[in-house]
Amino acid sequence: MQTLEARCRRKPRRSDDSTHSSDQALELATRYGHTQRIGYLRCLLAGIAAVSGDEDRCRALAEPAIAEAQRLQVKRTVLCGRLALARLEMSLGRYEAALDLLESAAQGGFVPMQADLDLVEAAVRIGQPERAVASLARMRRWNEASGRPWVRAVALRCEALMAGDEAEPYFREALCLHGVAERPFDRARTDLLYGRWLRRAQRKAEARPRLRAAAQAFDQLGAAPWAERARAELRATGETAGSAAGGAGLKRLTAQELQVVRLAATGLSNREIGAQLYLSPRTVGYHLYKIFPKLGIASRGELTKLEL
């Protein structure tokens, strides 16, 4: 049991790998009646769903687990669940909501390092960096105590976010350290934030490789909303979706996704597509949500530009 739970904690190459490990652990915990661990594992699964942007699954797992943990006074599970919900808000770009959740979690005493990472980014993204001062101080302490390359890399990313116009040296050093650490999600986030900083500094040509790398890594990890965020930044540099959305993008679609996208390109609504494919409009919408990042586009209107 401990081995499976430890596997759940490791950063996966893809979210479905981590989901499989967590599902196995949850099955064993349920079989042997480990009530408190069941809630905690559900919150871990909620965190995985959050990264992929699956709001329904994340909430269905986290919210009942938090309620039960509060009843049993299991603080660890309550914290894990709240952090999963905060990560969901981060994934969906709802930074104010994420920040409120993270600040609430931080009031409970021990604050996991991942909470501080998200808190710094959320505070900076809504233009209120003063709300991240305590988290930045904790990140510095984490960095001093750990000495591990990936910890130093993410601590430097926080420094970069808080440094404004002086951020570049921090981003550059962080990426060097990411190169020797197997934390692809963290590296992709640094690439995305550095690319965004370069774009906003009107250094668009330099931003593009960083943003392409971020989008590719997020795709490989199954982190669809993060991949789309990277592509949106890439489009803002003037790079069109065409190169990412050609034949290679179409090859990544399942047979049903290809049917959906071809019908959507003709202008049919989700309900009309569902009627032809015997799917619910909700299922059609979910397919399109997954399809757009694979094709490097953000809206139905861009489907007409593709060779389908």
Protein backbone atom coordinates (compact mmCIF):
# COMPACT_ATOMS: atom_id res chain seq x y z
CA MET A 1 0.00 0.00 0.00
CA GLN A 2 2.77 2.38 0.88
CA THR A 3 4.53 1.60 -2.36
CA LEU A 4 1.44 2.44 -4.41
CA GLU A 5 0.83 5.65 -2.51
CA ALA A 6 4.46 6.63 -3.02
CA ARG A 7 4.00 6.05 -6.75
CA CYS A 8 1.04 8.42 -6.69
CA ARG A 9 3.27 11.17 -5.34
CA ARG A 10 5.83 10.95 -8.13
CA LYS A 11 5.46 13.38 -11.01
CA PRO A 12 4.06 11.29 -13.89
CA ARG A 13 5.12 11.37 -17.50
CA ARG A 14 1.42 11.42 -18.33
CA SER A 15 -1.59 12.04 -16.12
CA ASP A 16 -3.16 8.70 -17.10
CA ASP A 17 -0.14 6.83 -15.66
CA SER A 18 -0.59 8.57 -12.34
CA THR A 19 -4.34 8.03 -12.46
CA HIS A 20 -3.82 4.30 -12.92
CA SER A 21 -1.49 4.10 -9.91
CA SER A 22 -3.85 6.14 -7.74
CA ASP A 23 -6.84 4.07 -8.83
CA GLN A 24 -4.98 0.91 -7.80
CA ALA A 25 -4.14 2.40 -4.42
CA LEU A 26 -7.74 3.55 -3.94
CA GLU A 27 -9.04 0.07 -4.80
CA LEU A 28 -6.76 -1.49 -2.18
CA ALA A 29 -7.64 1.12 0.44
CA THR A 30 -11.34 0.48 -0.18
CA ARG A 31 -10.90 -3.30 -0.07
CA TYR A 32 -9.13 -3.20 3.29
CA GLY A 33 -11.29 -0.49 4.82
CA HIS A 34 -8.67 2.25 5.24
CA THR A 35 -11.29 4.99 5.53
CA GLN A 36 -8.98 7.94 6.05
CA ARG A 37 -6.67 6.90 3.24
CA ILE A 38 -9.60 6.51 0.84
CA GLY A 39 -10.41 10.21 1.15
CA TYR A 40 -6.78 11.20 0.73
CA LEU A 41 -6.37 9.10 -2.41
CA ARG A 42 -9.54 10.56 -3.86
CA CYS A 43 -8.03 13.99 -3.35
CA LEU A 44 -4.86 12.87 -5.13
CA LEU A 45 -7.00 11.72 -8.06
CA ALA A 46 -8.81 15.06 -7.95
CA GLY A 47 -5.45 16.80 -8.29
CA ILE A 48 -4.67 14.76 -11.39
CA ALA A 49 -8.07 15.60 -12.87
CA ALA A 50 -7.41 19.26 -12.08
CA VAL A 51 -4.25 19.33 -14.20
CA SER A 52 -6.15 17.89 -17.16
CA GLY A 53 -8.92 20.47 -16.68
CA ASP A 54 -11.61 17.87 -15.89
CA GLU A 55 -13.69 20.04 -13.56
CA ASP A 56 -16.56 17.60 -13.05
CA ARG A 57 -14.30 14.73 -12.04
CA CYS A 58 -12.12 16.92 -9.84
CA ARG A 59 -15.06 18.27 -7.87
CA ALA A 60 -16.82 14.90 -7.69
CA LEU A 61 -13.72 13.42 -6.07
CA ALA A 62 -12.53 16.30 -3.91
CA GLU A 63 -15.66 17.87 -2.45
CA PRO A 64 -17.18 14.74 -0.79
CA ALA A 65 -13.71 13.71 0.43
CA ILE A 66 -13.17 17.14 2.01
CA ALA A 67 -16.58 17.05 3.70
CA GLU A 68 -15.94 13.59 5.15
CA ALA A 69 -12.42 14.54 6.24
CA GLN A 70 -13.77 17.61 8.01
CA ARG A 71 -16.27 15.42 9.84
CA LEU A 72 -13.48 13.05 10.89
CA GLN A 73 -11.06 15.96 11.51
CA VAL A 74 -8.44 14.58 9.11
CA LYS A 75 -6.58 17.80 8.35
CA ARG A 76 -4.18 16.22 5.84
CA THR A 77 -7.02 15.15 3.56
CA VAL A 78 -8.82 18.48 3.86
CA LEU A 79 -5.63 20.26 2.82
CA CYS A 80 -4.99 17.86 -0.09
CA GLY A 81 -8.54 18.34 -1.35
CA ARG A 82 -8.42 22.12 -1.15
CA LEU A 83 -5.12 22.15 -3.00
CA ALA A 84 -6.65 19.98 -5.74
CA LEU A 85 -9.50 22.47 -6.12
CA ALA A 86 -7.00 25.34 -6.19
CA ARG A 87 -5.02 23.57 -8.91
CA LEU A 88 -8.25 23.18 -10.87
CA GLU A 89 -8.82 26.93 -10.71
CA MET A 90 -5.20 27.49 -11.77
CA SER A 91 -5.60 25.10 -14.71
CA LEU A 92 -8.71 26.92 -15.88
CA GLY A 93 -7.10 30.35 -15.50
CA ARG A 94 -9.34 31.43 -12.61
CA TYR A 95 -6.53 32.96 -10.60
CA GLU A 96 -8.59 34.96 -8.10
CA ALA A 97 -10.51 31.86 -7.04
CA ALA A 98 -7.27 29.86 -6.87
CA LEU A 99 -5.63 32.51 -4.72
CA ASP A 100 -8.53 32.58 -2.27
CA LEU A 101 -8.36 28.79 -1.87
CA LEU A 102 -4.59 28.80 -1.46
CA GLU A 103 -4.65 31.55 1.13
CA SER A 104 -7.32 29.65 3.04
CA ALA A 105 -5.18 26.50 2.95
CA ALA A 106 -2.14 28.45 4.15
CA GLN A 107 -3.98 29.48 7.31
CA GLY A 108 -4.04 25.89 8.52
CA GLY A 109 -0.38 25.78 9.57
CA PHE A 110 1.86 23.60 7.37
CA VAL A 111 1.85 24.77 3.75
CA PRO A 112 3.07 22.33 1.05
CA MET A 113 5.59 23.77 -1.35
CA GLN A 114 3.26 23.26 -4.33
CA ALA A 115 0.72 25.55 -2.66
CA ASP A 116 3.28 28.32 -2.44
CA LEU A 117 4.27 27.83 -6.10
CA ASP A 118 0.68 28.23 -7.24
CA LEU A 119 0.01 31.08 -4.81
CA VAL A 120 2.90 33.17 -6.14
CA GLU A 121 1.79 32.69 -9.74
CA ALA A 122 -1.88 33.39 -8.98
CA ALA A 123 -1.08 36.56 -7.04
CA VAL A 124 1.18 37.90 -9.80
CA ARG A 125 -1.31 37.03 -12.54
CA ILE A 126 -4.06 39.13 -10.91
CA GLY A 127 -1.67 42.01 -10.25
CA GLN A 128 -1.48 41.60 -6.47
CA PRO A 129 2.07 40.33 -5.81
CA GLU A 130 1.94 41.67 -2.25
CA ARG A 131 -0.30 38.72 -1.39
CA ALA A 132 2.57 36.36 -2.26
CA VAL A 133 5.29 37.85 -0.03
CA ALA A 134 4.95 35.18 2.67
CA SER A 135 4.91 32.39 0.07
CA LEU A 136 8.07 33.72 -1.58
CA ALA A 137 9.79 33.77 1.80
CA ARG A 138 8.77 30.15 2.40
CA MET A 139 10.03 29.18 -1.06
CA ARG A 140 13.41 30.66 -0.20
CA ARG A 141 13.51 28.57 2.96
CA TRP A 142 12.50 25.45 0.99
CA ASN A 143 15.34 26.19 -1.43
CA GLU A 144 17.93 26.65 1.32
CA ALA A 145 16.88 23.50 3.16
CA SER A 146 16.59 21.20 0.16
CA GLY A 147 19.55 21.77 -2.14
CA ARG A 148 17.79 19.73 -4.86
CA PRO A 149 17.96 21.13 -8.42
CA TRP A 150 14.21 21.01 -9.08
CA VAL A 151 13.44 22.81 -5.83
CA ARG A 152 15.92 25.53 -6.68
CA ALA A 153 14.44 25.75 -10.20
CA VAL A 154 10.88 26.35 -9.00
CA ALA A 155 12.09 28.74 -6.29
CA LEU A 156 13.86 30.75 -9.00
CA ARG A 157 10.65 30.75 -11.03
CA CYS A 158 8.90 32.37 -8.08
CA GLU A 159 11.70 34.93 -7.84
CA ALA A 160 11.26 35.65 -11.55
CA LEU A 161 7.53 36.17 -11.21
CA MET A 162 8.05 38.67 -8.41
CA ALA A 163 10.97 40.45 -10.11
CA GLY A 164 9.03 42.13 -12.92
CA ASP A 165 11.37 43.67 -15.48
CA GLU A 166 14.38 42.07 -13.76
CA ALA A 167 13.05 38.51 -14.14
CA GLU A 168 15.22 37.15 -16.94
CA PRO A 169 18.30 35.96 -14.97
CA TYR A 170 16.02 33.99 -12.67
CA PHE A 171 14.17 32.36 -15.57
CA ARG A 172 17.41 31.44 -17.34
CA GLU A 173 18.96 29.84 -14.26
CA ALA A 174 15.72 28.01 -13.49
CA LEU A 175 15.67 26.44 -16.96
CA CYS A 176 19.29 25.31 -16.60
CA LEU A 177 18.35 23.53 -13.38
CA HIS A 178 15.22 22.03 -14.89
CA GLY A 179 17.51 20.42 -17.45
CA VAL A 180 18.95 18.08 -14.79
CA ALA A 181 15.68 17.39 -12.96
CA GLU A 182 12.94 14.98 -14.10
CA ARG A 183 10.00 17.28 -13.40
CA PRO A 184 8.46 17.88 -16.86
CA PHE A 185 5.34 19.67 -15.61
CA ASP A 186 7.39 22.14 -13.60
CA ARG A 187 9.74 22.76 -16.50
CA ALA A 188 6.82 23.33 -18.86
CA ARG A 189 5.34 25.87 -16.48
CA THR A 190 8.65 27.72 -16.36
CA ASP A 191 8.89 27.64 -20.17
CA LEU A 192 5.35 29.02 -20.41
CA LEU A 193 5.95 31.83 -17.94
CA TYR A 194 9.31 32.76 -19.44
CA GLY A 195 7.82 32.71 -22.94
CA ARG A 196 4.99 34.94 -21.76
CA TRP A 197 7.49 37.34 -20.18
CA LEU A 198 9.52 37.48 -23.42
CA ARG A 199 6.41 38.08 -25.48
CA ARG A 200 5.30 40.92 -23.25
CA ALA A 201 8.82 42.38 -23.57
CA GLN A 202 8.27 42.39 -27.38
CA ARG A 203 10.92 39.67 -27.85
CA LYS A 204 8.56 37.47 -29.80
CA ALA A 205 11.12 35.46 -31.76
CA GLU A 206 12.79 34.42 -28.50
CA ALA A 207 9.44 33.61 -26.90
CA ARG A 208 8.31 31.13 -29.55
CA PRO A 209 10.74 28.24 -28.80
CA ARG A 210 9.88 28.45 -25.10
CA LEU A 211 6.15 28.43 -25.79
CA ARG A 212 6.39 25.59 -28.32
CA ALA A 213 8.33 23.52 -25.79
CA ALA A 214 5.74 24.23 -23.11
CA ALA A 215 2.82 23.27 -25.37
CA GLN A 216 4.48 20.04 -26.43
CA ALA A 217 5.31 19.04 -22.85
CA PHE A 218 1.80 19.81 -21.60
CA ASP A 219 0.36 17.75 -24.45
CA GLN A 220 2.54 14.80 -23.50
CA LEU A 221 1.40 15.10 -19.89
CA GLY A 222 -2.27 15.28 -20.80
CA ALA A 223 -2.53 18.81 -19.36
CA ALA A 224 -4.90 20.15 -22.02
CA PRO A 225 -5.77 23.57 -20.55
CA TRP A 226 -2.11 24.32 -19.90
CA ALA A 227 -1.22 23.33 -23.46
CA GLU A 228 -3.92 25.63 -24.80
CA ARG A 229 -2.60 28.47 -22.66
CA ALA A 230 0.84 27.98 -24.19
CA ARG A 231 -0.65 27.97 -27.69
CA ALA A 232 -2.64 31.12 -26.98
CA GLU A 233 0.60 32.83 -25.98
CA LEU A 234 2.25 31.44 -29.11
CA ARG A 235 -0.51 32.87 -31.30
CA ALA A 236 -0.01 36.21 -29.56
CA THR A 237 3.57 36.21 -30.85
CA GLY A 238 2.20 36.10 -34.40
CA GLU A 239 2.71 32.39 -35.01
CA THR A 240 -0.37 30.86 -36.61
CA ALA A 241 -1.92 27.59 -35.60
CA GLY A 242 -1.36 26.15 -39.04
CA SER A 243 2.01 24.54 -38.43
CA ALA A 244 0.79 22.81 -35.29
CA ALA A 245 -2.59 21.95 -36.70
CA GLY A 246 -1.69 20.17 -39.92
CA GLY A 247 -1.49 16.48 -40.64
CA ALA A 248 0.48 15.73 -37.48
CA GLY A 249 -2.28 17.19 -35.33
CA LEU A 250 -5.00 15.23 -37.11
CA LYS A 251 -3.06 11.99 -36.67
CA ARG A 252 -3.35 12.43 -32.92
CA LEU A 253 -7.15 12.34 -33.02
CA THR A 254 -9.15 9.20 -32.32
CA ALA A 255 -11.57 7.99 -34.98
CA GLN A 256 -14.53 9.49 -33.12
CA GLU A 257 -12.72 12.79 -32.52
CA LEU A 258 -12.03 13.02 -36.25
CA GLN A 259 -15.73 12.52 -36.99
CA VAL A 260 -16.66 15.21 -34.49
CA VAL A 261 -14.16 17.75 -35.75
CA ARG A 262 -15.11 17.27 -39.40
CA LEU A 263 -18.78 17.82 -38.60
CA ALA A 264 -17.98 20.83 -36.42
CA ALA A 265 -15.97 22.35 -39.26
CA THR A 266 -19.14 22.38 -41.39
CA GLY A 267 -20.83 24.66 -38.86
CA LEU A 268 -23.08 22.10 -37.14
CA SER A 269 -23.97 22.67 -33.48
CA ASN A 270 -23.08 20.20 -30.73
CA ARG A 271 -26.67 18.99 -30.69
CA GLU A 272 -26.67 18.43 -34.47
CA ILE A 273 -23.35 16.60 -34.34
CA GLY A 274 -24.61 14.45 -31.47
CA ALA A 275 -27.72 13.50 -33.41
CA GLN A 276 -25.60 12.23 -36.30
CA LEU A 277 -23.12 10.32 -34.11
CA TYR A 278 -25.56 9.18 -31.41
CA LEU A 279 -23.75 11.21 -28.76
CA SER A 280 -25.07 13.69 -26.21
CA PRO A 281 -24.31 17.40 -26.85
CA ARG A 282 -22.28 17.35 -23.62
CA THR A 283 -20.11 14.51 -24.94
CA VAL A 284 -19.58 16.36 -28.21
CA GLY A 285 -18.49 19.44 -26.26
CA TYR A 286 -16.07 17.34 -24.22
CA HIS A 287 -14.56 15.89 -27.41
CA LEU A 288 -14.05 19.37 -28.84
CA TYR A 289 -12.47 20.49 -25.56
CA LYS A 290 -9.86 17.75 -26.01
CA ILE A 291 -9.52 18.22 -29.78
CA PHE A 292 -8.68 21.92 -29.88
CA PRO A 293 -5.35 21.65 -27.98
CA LYS A 294 -4.33 18.69 -30.16
CA LEU A 295 -4.86 20.82 -33.27
CA GLY A 296 -3.34 23.96 -31.79
CA ILE A 297 -6.52 26.01 -32.09
CA ALA A 298 -8.80 27.79 -29.63
CA SER A 299 -12.20 28.02 -31.32
CA ARG A 300 -14.55 26.42 -33.86
CA GLY A 301 -13.93 29.28 -36.25
CA GLU A 302 -10.35 28.13 -36.75
CA LEU A 303 -11.52 24.68 -37.93
CA THR A 304 -12.38 26.11 -41.34
CA LYS A 305 -8.68 26.94 -41.88
CA LEU A 306 -7.60 23.30 -41.50
CA GLU A 307 -7.40 20.68 -44.21
CA LEU A 308 -9.82 18.10 -42.83
